[in-house]
Amino acid sequence: MITFSPAVAPELSRKHRAWIALYDLEAGLRSRTEILRLHDVTDEDLQLFEESWQWMRTRRSLTPVVSYN
């Protein structure tokens, strides 16, 4: 799994860092405290952006996969 911390990708917005943190939390490979620190987000940030993350994931799963074979 590749993760990006603000030091590596400072151009990421707080929303995008929260989304990445939510993916990390879902993967369950690190502690919540470590994930929050790595992505420089708070529990409040996760709560603020969780609905948009869920919407994005649902929309993405509904998008048909196009094959170029």
N, C-alpha and C. Protein backbone atom coordinates (compact mmCIF):
# COMPACT_ATOMS: atom_id res chain seq x y z
N MET A 1 0.85 -1.18 0.00
CA MET A 1 0.00 0.00 0.00
C MET A 1 0.89 1.24 0.00
N ILE A 2 0.56 2.17 -0.84
CA ILE A 2 1.29 3.43 -0.92
C ILE A 2 0.47 4.50 -0.21
N THR A 3 1.11 5.20 0.69
CA THR A 3 0.43 6.32 1.34
C THR A 3 1.25 7.57 1.12
N PHE A 4 0.61 8.70 1.19
CA PHE A 4 1.27 9.98 0.98
C PHE A 4 1.09 10.84 2.21
N SER A 5 2.16 11.28 2.77
CA SER A 5 2.05 12.21 3.89
C SER A 5 2.16 13.62 3.34
N PRO A 6 1.72 14.61 4.08
CA PRO A 6 1.82 15.99 3.61
C PRO A 6 3.24 16.39 3.25
N ALA A 7 4.22 15.81 3.92
CA ALA A 7 5.61 16.14 3.60
C ALA A 7 5.97 15.64 2.21
N VAL A 8 5.36 14.52 1.79
CA VAL A 8 5.64 13.96 0.47
C VAL A 8 4.79 14.62 -0.59
N ALA A 9 3.56 14.95 -0.26
CA ALA A 9 2.62 15.54 -1.22
C ALA A 9 1.94 16.75 -0.60
N PRO A 10 2.68 17.84 -0.42
CA PRO A 10 2.11 19.01 0.27
C PRO A 10 0.97 19.66 -0.50
N GLU A 11 0.82 19.37 -1.78
CA GLU A 11 -0.23 20.00 -2.57
C GLU A 11 -1.60 19.39 -2.34
N LEU A 12 -1.68 18.29 -1.62
CA LEU A 12 -2.98 17.67 -1.36
C LEU A 12 -3.80 18.50 -0.38
N SER A 13 -5.07 18.64 -0.69
CA SER A 13 -5.96 19.38 0.20
C SER A 13 -6.27 18.55 1.44
N ARG A 14 -6.84 19.20 2.43
CA ARG A 14 -7.24 18.50 3.65
C ARG A 14 -8.26 17.42 3.32
N LYS A 15 -9.17 17.70 2.39
CA LYS A 15 -10.18 16.71 1.98
C LYS A 15 -9.50 15.47 1.40
N HIS A 16 -8.55 15.67 0.51
CA HIS A 16 -7.88 14.52 -0.11
C HIS A 16 -7.03 13.74 0.88
N ARG A 17 -6.38 14.45 1.81
CA ARG A 17 -5.63 13.75 2.85
C ARG A 17 -6.56 12.94 3.73
N ALA A 18 -7.75 13.49 4.02
CA ALA A 18 -8.74 12.76 4.83
C ALA A 18 -9.22 11.53 4.08
N TRP A 19 -9.49 11.67 2.78
CA TRP A 19 -9.92 10.51 1.99
C TRP A 19 -8.86 9.40 2.02
N ILE A 20 -7.61 9.77 1.84
CA ILE A 20 -6.53 8.77 1.87
C ILE A 20 -6.46 8.12 3.26
N ALA A 21 -6.62 8.93 4.30
CA ALA A 21 -6.61 8.39 5.66
C ALA A 21 -7.78 7.41 5.85
N LEU A 22 -8.94 7.72 5.29
CA LEU A 22 -10.08 6.82 5.40
C LEU A 22 -9.80 5.49 4.69
N TYR A 23 -9.14 5.54 3.55
CA TYR A 23 -8.74 4.29 2.88
C TYR A 23 -7.76 3.51 3.76
N ASP A 24 -6.81 4.22 4.36
CA ASP A 24 -5.84 3.56 5.25
C ASP A 24 -6.56 2.92 6.45
N LEU A 25 -7.51 3.62 7.02
CA LEU A 25 -8.26 3.06 8.14
C LEU A 25 -9.02 1.81 7.72
N GLU A 26 -9.60 1.86 6.54
CA GLU A 26 -10.34 0.71 6.04
C GLU A 26 -9.42 -0.50 5.84
N ALA A 27 -8.19 -0.25 5.40
CA ALA A 27 -7.24 -1.33 5.17
C ALA A 27 -6.81 -1.98 6.49
N GLY A 28 -6.80 -1.18 7.56
CA GLY A 28 -6.49 -1.71 8.88
C GLY A 28 -5.05 -2.13 9.10
N LEU A 29 -4.13 -1.55 8.36
CA LEU A 29 -2.72 -1.94 8.48
C LEU A 29 -1.93 -1.10 9.48
N ARG A 30 -2.52 0.00 9.92
CA ARG A 30 -1.86 0.89 10.88
C ARG A 30 -2.87 1.30 11.95
N SER A 31 -2.35 1.81 13.04
CA SER A 31 -3.24 2.31 14.09
C SER A 31 -3.87 3.63 13.64
N ARG A 32 -5.03 3.92 14.20
CA ARG A 32 -5.73 5.17 13.89
C ARG A 32 -4.85 6.38 14.19
N THR A 33 -4.18 6.34 15.33
CA THR A 33 -3.31 7.45 15.73
C THR A 33 -2.20 7.68 14.70
N GLU A 34 -1.59 6.61 14.23
CA GLU A 34 -0.52 6.73 13.24
C GLU A 34 -1.05 7.27 11.92
N ILE A 35 -2.21 6.80 11.50
CA ILE A 35 -2.80 7.27 10.25
C ILE A 35 -3.13 8.76 10.31
N LEU A 36 -3.72 9.19 11.41
CA LEU A 36 -4.03 10.61 11.56
C LEU A 36 -2.76 11.45 11.51
N ARG A 37 -1.72 10.98 12.18
CA ARG A 37 -0.45 11.71 12.18
C ARG A 37 0.18 11.73 10.79
N LEU A 38 0.21 10.58 10.12
CA LEU A 38 0.84 10.49 8.80
C LEU A 38 0.19 11.43 7.79
N HIS A 39 -1.11 11.57 7.88
CA HIS A 39 -1.84 12.36 6.88
C HIS A 39 -2.21 13.75 7.38
N ASP A 40 -1.75 14.07 8.57
CA ASP A 40 -1.97 15.40 9.14
C ASP A 40 -3.46 15.78 9.10
N VAL A 41 -4.30 14.87 9.59
CA VAL A 41 -5.73 15.13 9.69
C VAL A 41 -6.19 14.78 11.10
N THR A 42 -7.37 15.24 11.44
CA THR A 42 -7.95 14.99 12.76
C THR A 42 -9.19 14.10 12.61
N ASP A 43 -9.69 13.62 13.74
CA ASP A 43 -10.95 12.88 13.72
C ASP A 43 -12.07 13.76 13.16
N GLU A 44 -12.02 15.04 13.46
CA GLU A 44 -13.03 15.97 12.95
C GLU A 44 -12.96 16.07 11.43
N ASP A 45 -11.73 16.07 10.88
CA ASP A 45 -11.57 16.08 9.42
C ASP A 45 -12.19 14.83 8.80
N LEU A 46 -11.95 13.69 9.42
CA LEU A 46 -12.50 12.44 8.90
C LEU A 46 -14.03 12.49 8.92
N GLN A 47 -14.60 13.00 9.99
CA GLN A 47 -16.06 13.11 10.08
C GLN A 47 -16.60 14.07 9.02
N LEU A 48 -15.89 15.16 8.82
CA LEU A 48 -16.32 16.18 7.87
C LEU A 48 -16.34 15.64 6.44
N PHE A 49 -15.36 14.82 6.08
CA PHE A 49 -15.22 14.38 4.70
C PHE A 49 -15.64 12.93 4.46
N GLU A 50 -16.09 12.23 5.49
CA GLU A 50 -16.47 10.82 5.30
C GLU A 50 -17.65 10.66 4.34
N GLU A 51 -18.63 11.53 4.44
CA GLU A 51 -19.80 11.41 3.55
C GLU A 51 -19.39 11.57 2.09
N SER A 52 -18.54 12.54 1.77
CA SER A 52 -18.11 12.72 0.39
C SER A 52 -17.24 11.55 -0.08
N TRP A 53 -16.46 10.98 0.84
CA TRP A 53 -15.65 9.80 0.51
C TRP A 53 -16.55 8.61 0.19
N GLN A 54 -17.58 8.42 1.00
CA GLN A 54 -18.52 7.33 0.75
C GLN A 54 -19.25 7.53 -0.58
N TRP A 55 -19.65 8.76 -0.87
CA TRP A 55 -20.32 9.07 -2.12
C TRP A 55 -19.40 8.77 -3.30
N MET A 56 -18.14 9.19 -3.19
CA MET A 56 -17.17 8.96 -4.27
C MET A 56 -16.98 7.47 -4.50
N ARG A 57 -16.86 6.71 -3.42
CA ARG A 57 -16.67 5.26 -3.54
C ARG A 57 -17.88 4.60 -4.18
N THR A 58 -19.08 5.02 -3.81
CA THR A 58 -20.30 4.46 -4.39
C THR A 58 -20.39 4.79 -5.87
N ARG A 59 -20.13 6.03 -6.19
CA ARG A 59 -20.18 6.45 -7.59
C ARG A 59 -19.16 5.70 -8.42
N ARG A 60 -17.95 5.53 -7.87
CA ARG A 60 -16.89 4.83 -8.59
C ARG A 60 -17.28 3.37 -8.84
N SER A 61 -17.93 2.75 -7.88
CA SER A 61 -18.31 1.35 -8.05
C SER A 61 -19.44 1.18 -9.06
N LEU A 62 -20.18 2.26 -9.35
CA LEU A 62 -21.25 2.21 -10.33
C LEU A 62 -20.78 2.52 -11.73
N THR A 63 -19.56 3.02 -11.87
CA THR A 63 -19.01 3.37 -13.18
C THR A 63 -18.61 2.09 -13.91
N PRO A 64 -19.14 1.88 -15.12
CA PRO A 64 -18.78 0.67 -15.85
C PRO A 64 -17.31 0.67 -16.26
N VAL A 65 -16.72 -0.49 -16.22
CA VAL A 65 -15.33 -0.65 -16.64
C VAL A 65 -15.32 -0.79 -18.15
N VAL A 66 -14.48 0.00 -18.82
CA VAL A 66 -14.38 -0.05 -20.27
C VAL A 66 -13.18 -0.90 -20.63
N SER A 67 -13.39 -1.86 -21.50
CA SER A 67 -12.31 -2.72 -21.96
C SER A 67 -11.89 -2.28 -23.35
N TYR A 68 -10.61 -2.19 -23.58
CA TYR A 68 -10.10 -1.79 -24.87
C TYR A 68 -9.52 -2.97 -25.64
N ASN A 69 -9.97 -4.18 -25.33
CA ASN A 69 -9.45 -5.38 -26.02
C ASN A 69 -10.11 -5.59 -27.35
